[in-house]
Amino acid sequence: MFSLLICDDHPPIRTALRLLARNASTGCDVTETGDAQQLLEVLRSRLRFDLLTLDLQLPGRSGLEILGEVKALRPDLPVMVLSADESSDSVAAALDAGASSYLFKSCTESTLFLALRDAAQNRITLPAGFVAERPIGARSTDGLSLSARQREVLNCLLRGMSAKQIARFLDLSEGTIKSHTVAVFRSLNVNSRAQAVIEAHRRGISLEP
């Protein structure tokens, strides 16, 4: 069963997300929250979630600040930002802050449906046109020369985990994690988490369960 947590202060959007998610994933379990306080209370519970959809324009709170608190509570929980802010700087800032996916609220219902379906299959979603498409006929392999440990680090990075959180999760030193991160960035030819997420999406790299 796919378990979705929604945080948005607009009831119609929560309703649309709930209905689309249940159509996208058979047996989808949905929990709804309408503000940051409710969201954080739910995340402090023992409930398990596979994805959080997060509106960055919640009343009285900075979206990136909320995202930081979310990742502190649930480091490995993938977060899909659903926002009216369509600037490339905001997309990059959200990815750097720990989001795994980003969608504009102006997207079509079919786009949102596909994004939720992809999320249930551990795939990353970014706005159409934001990422260069893979050339027609290009190989489906991700083309990365990474060790098993470096792939674990990449997976953690795509889930939005910080170096300290990855070190704790993999029971390694932060220095070792930073070395692996450098290798991952070099293989992807990027120099930031946001760029890593974008390049992973372009290459069709999925999150490992």
N, C-alpha and C. Protein backbone atom coordinates (compact mmCIF):
# COMPACT_ATOMS: atom_id res chain seq x y z
N MET A 1 0.83 -1.21 0.00
CA MET A 1 0.00 0.00 0.00
C MET A 1 0.86 1.25 0.00
N PHE A 2 0.51 2.21 -0.83
CA PHE A 2 1.22 3.48 -0.92
C PHE A 2 0.55 4.48 0.03
N SER A 3 1.34 5.07 0.90
CA SER A 3 0.80 5.98 1.92
C SER A 3 1.22 7.41 1.61
N LEU A 4 0.24 8.27 1.35
CA LEU A 4 0.49 9.66 0.97
C LEU A 4 0.07 10.61 2.08
N LEU A 5 0.92 11.58 2.37
CA LEU A 5 0.61 12.66 3.31
C LEU A 5 0.53 13.96 2.52
N ILE A 6 -0.59 14.66 2.64
CA ILE A 6 -0.82 15.91 1.92
C ILE A 6 -0.80 17.07 2.90
N CYS A 7 -0.09 18.15 2.54
CA CYS A 7 -0.14 19.38 3.33
C CYS A 7 -0.42 20.54 2.40
N ASP A 8 -1.64 21.07 2.48
CA ASP A 8 -2.05 22.22 1.68
C ASP A 8 -3.20 22.89 2.40
N ASP A 9 -3.21 24.23 2.43
CA ASP A 9 -4.26 24.92 3.18
C ASP A 9 -5.53 25.13 2.36
N HIS A 10 -5.55 24.65 1.12
CA HIS A 10 -6.74 24.78 0.28
C HIS A 10 -7.45 23.43 0.17
N PRO A 11 -8.63 23.28 0.80
CA PRO A 11 -9.36 22.00 0.77
C PRO A 11 -9.60 21.44 -0.63
N PRO A 12 -9.95 22.26 -1.64
CA PRO A 12 -10.18 21.69 -2.97
C PRO A 12 -8.93 21.01 -3.55
N ILE A 13 -7.76 21.58 -3.26
CA ILE A 13 -6.53 20.96 -3.75
C ILE A 13 -6.28 19.65 -3.04
N ARG A 14 -6.53 19.61 -1.73
CA ARG A 14 -6.37 18.36 -0.99
C ARG A 14 -7.32 17.29 -1.54
N THR A 15 -8.53 17.69 -1.84
CA THR A 15 -9.50 16.74 -2.39
C THR A 15 -9.04 16.20 -3.73
N ALA A 16 -8.57 17.09 -4.60
CA ALA A 16 -8.09 16.67 -5.92
C ALA A 16 -6.91 15.71 -5.79
N LEU A 17 -5.99 16.04 -4.91
CA LEU A 17 -4.82 15.18 -4.71
C LEU A 17 -5.25 13.81 -4.18
N ARG A 18 -6.18 13.81 -3.24
CA ARG A 18 -6.65 12.54 -2.67
C ARG A 18 -7.27 11.64 -3.73
N LEU A 19 -8.13 12.23 -4.55
CA LEU A 19 -8.81 11.45 -5.58
C LEU A 19 -7.84 10.95 -6.65
N LEU A 20 -6.94 11.83 -7.07
CA LEU A 20 -5.97 11.43 -8.09
C LEU A 20 -5.02 10.36 -7.57
N ALA A 21 -4.59 10.51 -6.31
CA ALA A 21 -3.66 9.53 -5.73
C ALA A 21 -4.30 8.16 -5.65
N ARG A 22 -5.57 8.12 -5.29
CA ARG A 22 -6.26 6.83 -5.17
C ARG A 22 -6.51 6.20 -6.53
N ASN A 23 -6.60 7.02 -7.57
CA ASN A 23 -6.71 6.49 -8.92
C ASN A 23 -5.35 6.05 -9.46
N ALA A 24 -4.29 6.75 -9.01
CA ALA A 24 -2.94 6.46 -9.51
C ALA A 24 -2.33 5.22 -8.86
N SER A 25 -2.73 4.93 -7.62
CA SER A 25 -2.13 3.81 -6.89
C SER A 25 -3.23 3.03 -6.17
N THR A 26 -3.42 1.80 -6.56
CA THR A 26 -4.46 0.96 -5.95
C THR A 26 -4.21 0.80 -4.46
N GLY A 27 -5.24 1.05 -3.66
CA GLY A 27 -5.11 0.88 -2.23
C GLY A 27 -4.35 2.00 -1.55
N CYS A 28 -4.24 3.17 -2.21
CA CYS A 28 -3.50 4.30 -1.64
C CYS A 28 -4.17 4.80 -0.36
N ASP A 29 -3.38 4.97 0.69
CA ASP A 29 -3.88 5.52 1.95
C ASP A 29 -3.47 6.98 2.02
N VAL A 30 -4.42 7.88 2.30
CA VAL A 30 -4.16 9.32 2.26
C VAL A 30 -4.44 9.97 3.61
N THR A 31 -3.49 10.77 4.10
CA THR A 31 -3.67 11.58 5.29
C THR A 31 -3.54 13.04 4.89
N GLU A 32 -4.46 13.88 5.34
CA GLU A 32 -4.47 15.30 4.95
C GLU A 32 -4.18 16.21 6.14
N THR A 33 -3.38 17.25 5.89
CA THR A 33 -3.15 18.31 6.87
C THR A 33 -3.29 19.65 6.17
N GLY A 34 -3.71 20.68 6.93
CA GLY A 34 -3.98 21.97 6.32
C GLY A 34 -3.02 23.08 6.68
N ASP A 35 -2.08 22.81 7.60
CA ASP A 35 -1.11 23.83 7.96
C ASP A 35 0.15 23.17 8.51
N ALA A 36 1.17 23.98 8.77
CA ALA A 36 2.46 23.46 9.20
C ALA A 36 2.38 22.75 10.54
N GLN A 37 1.62 23.30 11.48
CA GLN A 37 1.53 22.70 12.80
C GLN A 37 0.93 21.29 12.72
N GLN A 38 -0.16 21.15 11.97
CA GLN A 38 -0.77 19.83 11.80
C GLN A 38 0.21 18.87 11.15
N LEU A 39 0.91 19.35 10.14
CA LEU A 39 1.87 18.52 9.43
C LEU A 39 2.94 17.98 10.37
N LEU A 40 3.53 18.86 11.15
CA LEU A 40 4.62 18.45 12.03
C LEU A 40 4.12 17.49 13.12
N GLU A 41 2.90 17.71 13.60
CA GLU A 41 2.32 16.81 14.60
C GLU A 41 2.16 15.40 14.02
N VAL A 42 1.69 15.32 12.79
CA VAL A 42 1.53 14.01 12.15
C VAL A 42 2.89 13.34 11.95
N LEU A 43 3.88 14.12 11.53
CA LEU A 43 5.21 13.56 11.29
C LEU A 43 5.88 13.08 12.57
N ARG A 44 5.48 13.63 13.70
CA ARG A 44 6.03 13.18 14.99
C ARG A 44 5.37 11.88 15.46
N SER A 45 4.33 11.47 14.79
CA SER A 45 3.64 10.23 15.16
C SER A 45 4.41 9.04 14.60
N ARG A 46 3.88 7.85 14.87
CA ARG A 46 4.52 6.63 14.38
C ARG A 46 3.99 6.21 13.01
N LEU A 47 3.13 7.02 12.42
CA LEU A 47 2.56 6.68 11.12
C LEU A 47 3.65 6.67 10.04
N ARG A 48 3.54 5.72 9.11
CA ARG A 48 4.52 5.60 8.04
C ARG A 48 3.96 6.23 6.76
N PHE A 49 4.82 6.96 6.05
CA PHE A 49 4.41 7.58 4.79
C PHE A 49 5.45 7.32 3.71
N ASP A 50 4.96 7.19 2.47
CA ASP A 50 5.85 6.98 1.33
C ASP A 50 6.14 8.27 0.59
N LEU A 51 5.27 9.28 0.76
CA LEU A 51 5.46 10.56 0.06
C LEU A 51 4.70 11.65 0.79
N LEU A 52 5.29 12.84 0.83
CA LEU A 52 4.62 14.04 1.31
C LEU A 52 4.50 15.01 0.15
N THR A 53 3.27 15.49 -0.12
CA THR A 53 3.09 16.60 -1.06
C THR A 53 2.96 17.86 -0.23
N LEU A 54 3.78 18.85 -0.52
CA LEU A 54 3.89 20.03 0.34
C LEU A 54 3.71 21.32 -0.45
N ASP A 55 2.76 22.13 0.01
CA ASP A 55 2.59 23.48 -0.53
C ASP A 55 3.57 24.40 0.19
N LEU A 56 4.36 25.16 -0.56
CA LEU A 56 5.35 26.04 0.09
C LEU A 56 4.74 27.36 0.54
N GLN A 57 3.52 27.65 0.12
CA GLN A 57 2.89 28.92 0.51
C GLN A 57 1.84 28.68 1.60
N LEU A 58 2.27 28.15 2.73
CA LEU A 58 1.37 27.94 3.85
C LEU A 58 1.29 29.22 4.69
N PRO A 59 0.18 29.46 5.35
CA PRO A 59 -0.01 30.71 6.11
C PRO A 59 1.04 30.90 7.21
N GLY A 60 1.70 32.07 7.16
CA GLY A 60 2.58 32.47 8.25
C GLY A 60 3.89 31.75 8.39
N ARG A 61 4.21 30.87 7.45
CA ARG A 61 5.47 30.12 7.57
C ARG A 61 6.23 30.11 6.26
N SER A 62 7.54 30.15 6.34
CA SER A 62 8.39 30.00 5.18
C SER A 62 8.36 28.55 4.72
N GLY A 63 8.06 28.35 3.44
CA GLY A 63 8.00 27.00 2.92
C GLY A 63 9.31 26.24 3.08
N LEU A 64 10.43 26.91 2.83
CA LEU A 64 11.72 26.24 2.95
C LEU A 64 12.04 25.92 4.40
N GLU A 65 11.59 26.78 5.31
CA GLU A 65 11.77 26.51 6.74
C GLU A 65 10.99 25.25 7.14
N ILE A 66 9.76 25.16 6.67
CA ILE A 66 8.94 23.98 6.95
C ILE A 66 9.59 22.73 6.37
N LEU A 67 10.10 22.84 5.15
CA LEU A 67 10.76 21.71 4.51
C LEU A 67 11.95 21.25 5.33
N GLY A 68 12.70 22.20 5.89
CA GLY A 68 13.83 21.84 6.74
C GLY A 68 13.39 21.08 7.97
N GLU A 69 12.27 21.49 8.58
CA GLU A 69 11.76 20.80 9.76
C GLU A 69 11.25 19.40 9.40
N VAL A 70 10.64 19.28 8.23
CA VAL A 70 10.18 17.97 7.75
C VAL A 70 11.35 17.01 7.62
N LYS A 71 12.42 17.48 6.98
CA LYS A 71 13.57 16.60 6.77
C LYS A 71 14.28 16.27 8.08
N ALA A 72 14.18 17.15 9.06
CA ALA A 72 14.78 16.86 10.37
C ALA A 72 14.01 15.73 11.06
N LEU A 73 12.69 15.71 10.86
CA LEU A 73 11.86 14.68 11.49
C LEU A 73 11.86 13.37 10.71
N ARG A 74 11.81 13.48 9.39
CA ARG A 74 11.75 12.29 8.53
C ARG A 74 12.76 12.44 7.40
N PRO A 75 14.04 12.20 7.67
CA PRO A 75 15.09 12.46 6.68
C PRO A 75 14.90 11.74 5.36
N ASP A 76 14.39 10.50 5.40
CA ASP A 76 14.31 9.72 4.17
C ASP A 76 12.95 9.77 3.49
N LEU A 77 12.05 10.64 3.98
CA LEU A 77 10.72 10.76 3.37
C LEU A 77 10.80 11.63 2.12
N PRO A 78 10.48 11.08 0.94
CA PRO A 78 10.48 11.91 -0.28
C PRO A 78 9.40 12.99 -0.18
N VAL A 79 9.76 14.21 -0.60
CA VAL A 79 8.83 15.33 -0.56
C VAL A 79 8.63 15.86 -1.97
N MET A 80 7.36 15.92 -2.39
CA MET A 80 7.00 16.53 -3.67
C MET A 80 6.40 17.90 -3.38
N VAL A 81 7.10 18.94 -3.76
CA VAL A 81 6.58 20.30 -3.59
C VAL A 81 5.56 20.57 -4.69
N LEU A 82 4.40 21.08 -4.29
CA LEU A 82 3.36 21.49 -5.23
C LEU A 82 3.12 22.96 -4.98
N SER A 83 3.62 23.82 -5.88
CA SER A 83 3.65 25.24 -5.59
C SER A 83 3.19 26.10 -6.77
N ALA A 84 2.66 27.28 -6.44
CA ALA A 84 2.30 28.26 -7.47
C ALA A 84 3.53 29.03 -7.94
N ASP A 85 4.63 28.92 -7.22
CA ASP A 85 5.87 29.62 -7.57
C ASP A 85 6.58 28.84 -8.68
N GLU A 86 6.64 29.42 -9.85
CA GLU A 86 7.20 28.72 -11.01
C GLU A 86 8.60 29.20 -11.41
N SER A 87 9.26 29.93 -10.53
CA SER A 87 10.60 30.42 -10.86
C SER A 87 11.63 29.30 -10.72
N SER A 88 12.62 29.32 -11.61
CA SER A 88 13.66 28.29 -11.56
C SER A 88 14.46 28.38 -10.27
N ASP A 89 14.62 29.60 -9.72
CA ASP A 89 15.34 29.75 -8.46
C ASP A 89 14.61 29.05 -7.33
N SER A 90 13.28 29.11 -7.32
CA SER A 90 12.50 28.47 -6.26
C SER A 90 12.57 26.95 -6.39
N VAL A 91 12.54 26.46 -7.61
CA VAL A 91 12.68 25.02 -7.81
C VAL A 91 14.04 24.55 -7.26
N ALA A 92 15.10 25.24 -7.64
CA ALA A 92 16.44 24.88 -7.19
C ALA A 92 16.56 24.97 -5.67
N ALA A 93 15.98 26.03 -5.08
CA ALA A 93 16.06 26.20 -3.63
C ALA A 93 15.34 25.06 -2.90
N ALA A 94 14.18 24.66 -3.42
CA ALA A 94 13.44 23.57 -2.79
C ALA A 94 14.20 22.25 -2.90
N LEU A 95 14.80 21.99 -4.05
CA LEU A 95 15.57 20.76 -4.21
C LEU A 95 16.78 20.76 -3.30
N ASP A 96 17.45 21.91 -3.19
CA ASP A 96 18.60 22.00 -2.30
C ASP A 96 18.20 21.84 -0.83
N ALA A 97 16.96 22.23 -0.50
CA ALA A 97 16.48 22.14 0.88
C ALA A 97 15.98 20.74 1.23
N GLY A 98 15.89 19.86 0.25
CA GLY A 98 15.51 18.49 0.56
C GLY A 98 14.34 17.92 -0.21
N ALA A 99 13.71 18.70 -1.09
CA ALA A 99 12.62 18.16 -1.90
C ALA A 99 13.19 17.17 -2.92
N SER A 100 12.40 16.14 -3.21
CA SER A 100 12.79 15.16 -4.22
C SER A 100 12.12 15.43 -5.56
N SER A 101 10.98 16.11 -5.55
CA SER A 101 10.24 16.43 -6.76
C SER A 101 9.62 17.82 -6.61
N TYR A 102 9.21 18.41 -7.73
CA TYR A 102 8.61 19.75 -7.71
C TYR A 102 7.61 19.82 -8.86
N LEU A 103 6.41 20.28 -8.56
CA LEU A 103 5.39 20.48 -9.58
C LEU A 103 4.75 21.85 -9.42
N PHE A 104 4.38 22.46 -10.54
CA PHE A 104 3.65 23.72 -10.49
C PHE A 104 2.16 23.46 -10.32
N LYS A 105 1.49 24.32 -9.55
CA LYS A 105 0.05 24.16 -9.37
C LYS A 105 -0.72 24.44 -10.65
N SER A 106 -0.06 25.04 -11.61
CA SER A 106 -0.71 25.31 -12.89
C SER A 106 -0.71 24.09 -13.82
N CYS A 107 -0.09 23.00 -13.38
CA CYS A 107 -0.01 21.82 -14.24
C CYS A 107 -1.40 21.22 -14.47
N THR A 108 -1.54 20.45 -15.50
CA THR A 108 -2.81 19.83 -15.82
C THR A 108 -3.12 18.69 -14.86
N GLU A 109 -4.39 18.30 -14.81
CA GLU A 109 -4.78 17.19 -13.95
C GLU A 109 -4.07 15.90 -14.37
N SER A 110 -3.91 15.71 -15.68
CA SER A 110 -3.24 14.50 -16.16
C SER A 110 -1.77 14.48 -15.75
N THR A 111 -1.12 15.65 -15.76
CA THR A 111 0.28 15.75 -15.33
C THR A 111 0.41 15.40 -13.86
N LEU A 112 -0.50 15.91 -13.05
CA LEU A 112 -0.48 15.62 -11.62
C LEU A 112 -0.75 14.14 -11.36
N PHE A 113 -1.69 13.57 -12.11
CA PHE A 113 -1.98 12.14 -11.99
C PHE A 113 -0.72 11.32 -12.28
N LEU A 114 -0.04 11.65 -13.38
CA LEU A 114 1.16 10.90 -13.74
C LEU A 114 2.26 11.07 -12.70
N ALA A 115 2.36 12.28 -12.13
CA ALA A 115 3.38 12.53 -11.11
C ALA A 115 3.13 11.68 -9.87
N LEU A 116 1.87 11.57 -9.46
CA LEU A 116 1.53 10.74 -8.30
C LEU A 116 1.75 9.26 -8.61
N ARG A 117 1.42 8.86 -9.82
CA ARG A 117 1.67 7.47 -10.22
C ARG A 117 3.17 7.18 -10.21
N ASP A 118 3.95 8.12 -10.75
CA ASP A 118 5.40 7.94 -10.75
C ASP A 118 5.96 7.90 -9.34
N ALA A 119 5.43 8.76 -8.45
CA ALA A 119 5.91 8.79 -7.07
C ALA A 119 5.67 7.45 -6.39
N ALA A 120 4.54 6.83 -6.69
CA ALA A 120 4.23 5.51 -6.11
C ALA A 120 5.21 4.45 -6.60
N GLN A 121 5.88 4.75 -7.73
CA GLN A 121 6.88 3.84 -8.28
C GLN A 121 8.30 4.35 -8.06
N ASN A 122 8.42 5.28 -7.09
CA ASN A 122 9.73 5.81 -6.66
C ASN A 122 10.45 6.61 -7.73
N ARG A 123 9.69 7.25 -8.62
CA ARG A 123 10.31 8.07 -9.65
C ARG A 123 10.19 9.56 -9.31
N ILE A 124 11.17 10.33 -9.77
CA ILE A 124 11.24 11.76 -9.51
C ILE A 124 10.42 12.51 -10.57
N THR A 125 9.77 13.60 -10.15
CA THR A 125 9.01 14.43 -11.09
C THR A 125 9.47 15.88 -10.97
N LEU A 126 9.71 16.50 -12.13
CA LEU A 126 10.07 17.91 -12.19
C LEU A 126 9.23 18.57 -13.28
N PRO A 127 9.10 19.91 -13.25
CA PRO A 127 8.23 20.59 -14.22
C PRO A 127 8.63 20.34 -15.66
N ALA A 128 7.61 20.21 -16.51
CA ALA A 128 7.86 20.03 -17.94
C ALA A 128 8.64 21.23 -18.47
N GLY A 129 9.66 20.96 -19.25
CA GLY A 129 10.47 22.04 -19.81
C GLY A 129 11.60 22.48 -18.90
N PHE A 130 11.57 22.05 -17.63
CA PHE A 130 12.62 22.45 -16.70
C PHE A 130 13.87 21.59 -16.88
N VAL A 131 13.67 20.38 -17.38
CA VAL A 131 14.77 19.43 -17.54
C VAL A 131 14.88 19.06 -19.01
N ALA A 132 16.09 19.07 -19.52
CA ALA A 132 16.30 18.65 -20.91
C ALA A 132 15.94 17.18 -21.05
N GLU A 133 15.14 16.86 -22.08
CA GLU A 133 14.72 15.48 -22.28
C GLU A 133 15.89 14.64 -22.79
N ARG A 134 15.83 13.33 -22.47
CA ARG A 134 16.81 12.39 -23.01
C ARG A 134 16.63 12.32 -24.52
N PRO A 135 17.71 12.42 -25.30
CA PRO A 135 17.58 12.36 -26.75
C PRO A 135 16.90 11.07 -27.21
N ILE A 136 16.12 11.16 -28.28
CA ILE A 136 15.46 9.97 -28.83
C ILE A 136 16.52 8.95 -29.24
N GLY A 137 16.32 7.72 -28.81
CA GLY A 137 17.27 6.66 -29.15
C GLY A 137 18.39 6.52 -28.15
N ALA A 138 18.46 7.40 -27.14
CA ALA A 138 19.52 7.30 -26.14
C ALA A 138 19.33 6.04 -25.30
N ARG A 139 20.39 5.48 -24.82
CA ARG A 139 20.33 4.28 -24.00
C ARG A 139 19.62 4.58 -22.69
N SER A 140 18.88 3.59 -22.17
CA SER A 140 18.11 3.79 -20.95
C SER A 140 18.97 3.67 -19.70
N THR A 141 20.16 3.09 -19.82
CA THR A 141 21.04 2.97 -18.66
C THR A 141 21.42 4.35 -18.14
N ASP A 142 21.65 4.45 -16.82
CA ASP A 142 22.00 5.77 -16.27
C ASP A 142 23.44 6.16 -16.57
N GLY A 143 24.27 5.20 -16.97
CA GLY A 143 25.62 5.51 -17.39
C GLY A 143 26.57 5.91 -16.28
N LEU A 144 26.24 5.63 -15.02
CA LEU A 144 27.07 6.03 -13.90
C LEU A 144 28.04 4.94 -13.50
N SER A 145 29.28 5.34 -13.22
CA SER A 145 30.28 4.40 -12.72
C SER A 145 30.44 4.64 -11.22
N LEU A 146 29.54 4.05 -10.46
CA LEU A 146 29.52 4.25 -9.01
C LEU A 146 29.60 2.91 -8.30
N SER A 147 30.25 2.93 -7.15
CA SER A 147 30.27 1.74 -6.30
C SER A 147 28.91 1.55 -5.65
N ALA A 148 28.69 0.40 -5.05
CA ALA A 148 27.42 0.14 -4.37
C ALA A 148 27.18 1.17 -3.27
N ARG A 149 28.23 1.51 -2.55
CA ARG A 149 28.09 2.50 -1.46
C ARG A 149 27.77 3.88 -2.03
N GLN A 150 28.42 4.25 -3.11
CA GLN A 150 28.14 5.56 -3.72
C GLN A 150 26.71 5.63 -4.24
N ARG A 151 26.18 4.53 -4.72
CA ARG A 151 24.78 4.51 -5.15
C ARG A 151 23.84 4.66 -3.96
N GLU A 152 24.22 4.11 -2.82
CA GLU A 152 23.43 4.32 -1.61
C GLU A 152 23.42 5.79 -1.23
N VAL A 153 24.57 6.43 -1.33
CA VAL A 153 24.67 7.86 -1.03
C VAL A 153 23.82 8.66 -2.01
N LEU A 154 23.88 8.33 -3.29
CA LEU A 154 23.07 9.00 -4.29
C LEU A 154 21.59 8.87 -3.96
N ASN A 155 21.15 7.69 -3.58
CA ASN A 155 19.75 7.48 -3.23
C ASN A 155 19.34 8.35 -2.05
N CYS A 156 20.22 8.44 -1.07
CA CYS A 156 19.94 9.29 0.10
C CYS A 156 19.87 10.76 -0.30
N LEU A 157 20.77 11.18 -1.18
CA LEU A 157 20.76 12.57 -1.65
C LEU A 157 19.45 12.88 -2.38
N LEU A 158 18.98 11.95 -3.19
CA LEU A 158 17.74 12.16 -3.94
C LEU A 158 16.53 12.18 -3.02
N ARG A 159 16.65 11.58 -1.85
CA ARG A 159 15.57 11.62 -0.87
C ARG A 159 15.63 12.89 -0.02
N GLY A 160 16.66 13.71 -0.25
CA GLY A 160 16.75 14.99 0.45
C GLY A 160 17.49 14.96 1.76
N MET A 161 18.26 13.92 2.01
CA MET A 161 18.97 13.79 3.28
C MET A 161 20.25 14.61 3.28
N SER A 162 20.58 15.19 4.42
CA SER A 162 21.82 15.95 4.58
C SER A 162 22.98 14.99 4.78
N ALA A 163 24.20 15.52 4.70
CA ALA A 163 25.39 14.68 4.90
C ALA A 163 25.37 14.04 6.28
N LYS A 164 24.99 14.81 7.30
CA LYS A 164 24.92 14.27 8.65
C LYS A 164 23.89 13.15 8.75
N GLN A 165 22.73 13.35 8.13
CA GLN A 165 21.68 12.33 8.16
C GLN A 165 22.10 11.07 7.41
N ILE A 166 22.77 11.26 6.28
CA ILE A 166 23.25 10.10 5.51
C ILE A 166 24.29 9.33 6.32
N ALA A 167 25.18 10.06 6.97
CA ALA A 167 26.21 9.41 7.79
C ALA A 167 25.58 8.57 8.89
N ARG A 168 24.56 9.12 9.53
CA ARG A 168 23.86 8.38 10.59
C ARG A 168 23.13 7.17 10.00
N PHE A 169 22.48 7.37 8.87
CA PHE A 169 21.68 6.31 8.24
C PHE A 169 22.56 5.15 7.78
N LEU A 170 23.72 5.46 7.21
CA LEU A 170 24.61 4.43 6.68
C LEU A 170 25.69 4.01 7.67
N ASP A 171 25.69 4.64 8.85
CA ASP A 171 26.67 4.34 9.90
C ASP A 171 28.10 4.55 9.39
N LEU A 172 28.31 5.72 8.78
CA LEU A 172 29.62 6.11 8.29
C LEU A 172 29.95 7.50 8.80
N SER A 173 31.22 7.90 8.70
CA SER A 173 31.60 9.24 9.13
C SER A 173 31.13 10.27 8.10
N GLU A 174 30.96 11.52 8.56
CA GLU A 174 30.55 12.58 7.63
C GLU A 174 31.62 12.81 6.57
N GLY A 175 32.89 12.64 6.96
CA GLY A 175 33.97 12.81 5.99
C GLY A 175 33.87 11.79 4.86
N THR A 176 33.54 10.55 5.22
CA THR A 176 33.38 9.50 4.21
C THR A 176 32.21 9.82 3.29
N ILE A 177 31.11 10.30 3.87
CA ILE A 177 29.93 10.64 3.08
C ILE A 177 30.26 11.78 2.12
N LYS A 178 31.00 12.78 2.59
CA LYS A 178 31.37 13.89 1.72
C LYS A 178 32.24 13.42 0.56
N SER A 179 33.13 12.45 0.82
CA SER A 179 33.97 11.91 -0.25
C SER A 179 33.12 11.18 -1.28
N HIS A 180 32.17 10.39 -0.80
CA HIS A 180 31.27 9.68 -1.72
C HIS A 180 30.41 10.67 -2.50
N THR A 181 29.99 11.74 -1.84
CA THR A 181 29.15 12.75 -2.52
C THR A 181 29.92 13.41 -3.64
N VAL A 182 31.18 13.71 -3.40
CA VAL A 182 32.03 14.29 -4.44
C VAL A 182 32.09 13.36 -5.65
N ALA A 183 32.24 12.06 -5.37
CA ALA A 183 32.31 11.07 -6.46
C ALA A 183 30.99 11.02 -7.23
N VAL A 184 29.88 11.09 -6.50
CA VAL A 184 28.56 11.07 -7.13
C VAL A 184 28.38 12.30 -8.01
N PHE A 185 28.71 13.47 -7.47
CA PHE A 185 28.58 14.71 -8.24
C PHE A 185 29.46 14.68 -9.48
N ARG A 186 30.66 14.14 -9.33
CA ARG A 186 31.58 14.08 -10.47
C ARG A 186 31.02 13.17 -11.56
N SER A 187 30.44 12.04 -11.15
CA SER A 187 29.89 11.11 -12.13
C SER A 187 28.68 11.71 -12.85
N LEU A 188 27.89 12.50 -12.13
CA LEU A 188 26.72 13.15 -12.73
C LEU A 188 27.09 14.44 -13.45
N ASN A 189 28.33 14.91 -13.23
CA ASN A 189 28.81 16.18 -13.79
C ASN A 189 27.98 17.35 -13.27
N VAL A 190 27.78 17.37 -11.94
CA VAL A 190 27.03 18.44 -11.28
C VAL A 190 27.81 18.90 -10.06
N ASN A 191 27.36 20.00 -9.45
CA ASN A 191 28.05 20.48 -8.25
C ASN A 191 27.10 20.90 -7.14
N SER A 192 25.83 20.43 -7.18
CA SER A 192 24.90 20.73 -6.10
C SER A 192 23.84 19.64 -6.03
N ARG A 193 23.15 19.58 -4.90
CA ARG A 193 22.08 18.60 -4.75
C ARG A 193 20.97 18.85 -5.78
N ALA A 194 20.60 20.13 -5.96
CA ALA A 194 19.54 20.45 -6.93
C ALA A 194 19.91 19.94 -8.32
N GLN A 195 21.13 20.19 -8.73
CA GLN A 195 21.57 19.74 -10.05
C GLN A 195 21.59 18.22 -10.11
N ALA A 196 21.92 17.56 -8.99
CA ALA A 196 21.94 16.10 -8.95
C ALA A 196 20.53 15.53 -9.15
N VAL A 197 19.54 16.14 -8.50
CA VAL A 197 18.16 15.69 -8.66
C VAL A 197 17.70 15.88 -10.11
N ILE A 198 18.03 17.03 -10.67
CA ILE A 198 17.63 17.32 -12.05
C ILE A 198 18.28 16.33 -13.02
N GLU A 199 19.55 16.07 -12.82
CA GLU A 199 20.26 15.15 -13.72
C GLU A 199 19.76 13.72 -13.53
N ALA A 200 19.44 13.34 -12.29
CA ALA A 200 18.90 12.01 -12.03
C ALA A 200 17.56 11.84 -12.74
N HIS A 201 16.75 12.88 -12.71
CA HIS A 201 15.46 12.84 -13.41
C HIS A 201 15.69 12.69 -14.91
N ARG A 202 16.64 13.44 -15.46
CA ARG A 202 16.91 13.37 -16.89
C ARG A 202 17.37 11.98 -17.30
N ARG A 203 18.13 11.32 -16.42
CA ARG A 203 18.66 9.99 -16.73
C ARG A 203 17.68 8.87 -16.37
N GLY A 204 16.55 9.24 -15.78
CA GLY A 204 15.57 8.21 -15.42
C GLY A 204 15.94 7.40 -14.21
N ILE A 205 16.73 7.97 -13.31
CA ILE A 205 17.14 7.26 -12.10
C ILE A 205 16.01 7.32 -11.08
N SER A 206 15.61 6.19 -10.54
CA SER A 206 14.54 6.12 -9.56
C SER A 206 15.10 6.03 -8.15
N LEU A 207 14.27 6.38 -7.18
CA LEU A 207 14.63 6.19 -5.79
C LEU A 207 14.57 4.72 -5.46
N GLU A 208 15.57 4.24 -4.71
CA GLU A 208 15.52 2.86 -4.24
C GLU A 208 14.63 2.80 -3.01
N PRO A 209 13.82 1.74 -2.88
CA PRO A 209 12.94 1.62 -1.70
C PRO A 209 13.73 1.63 -0.41
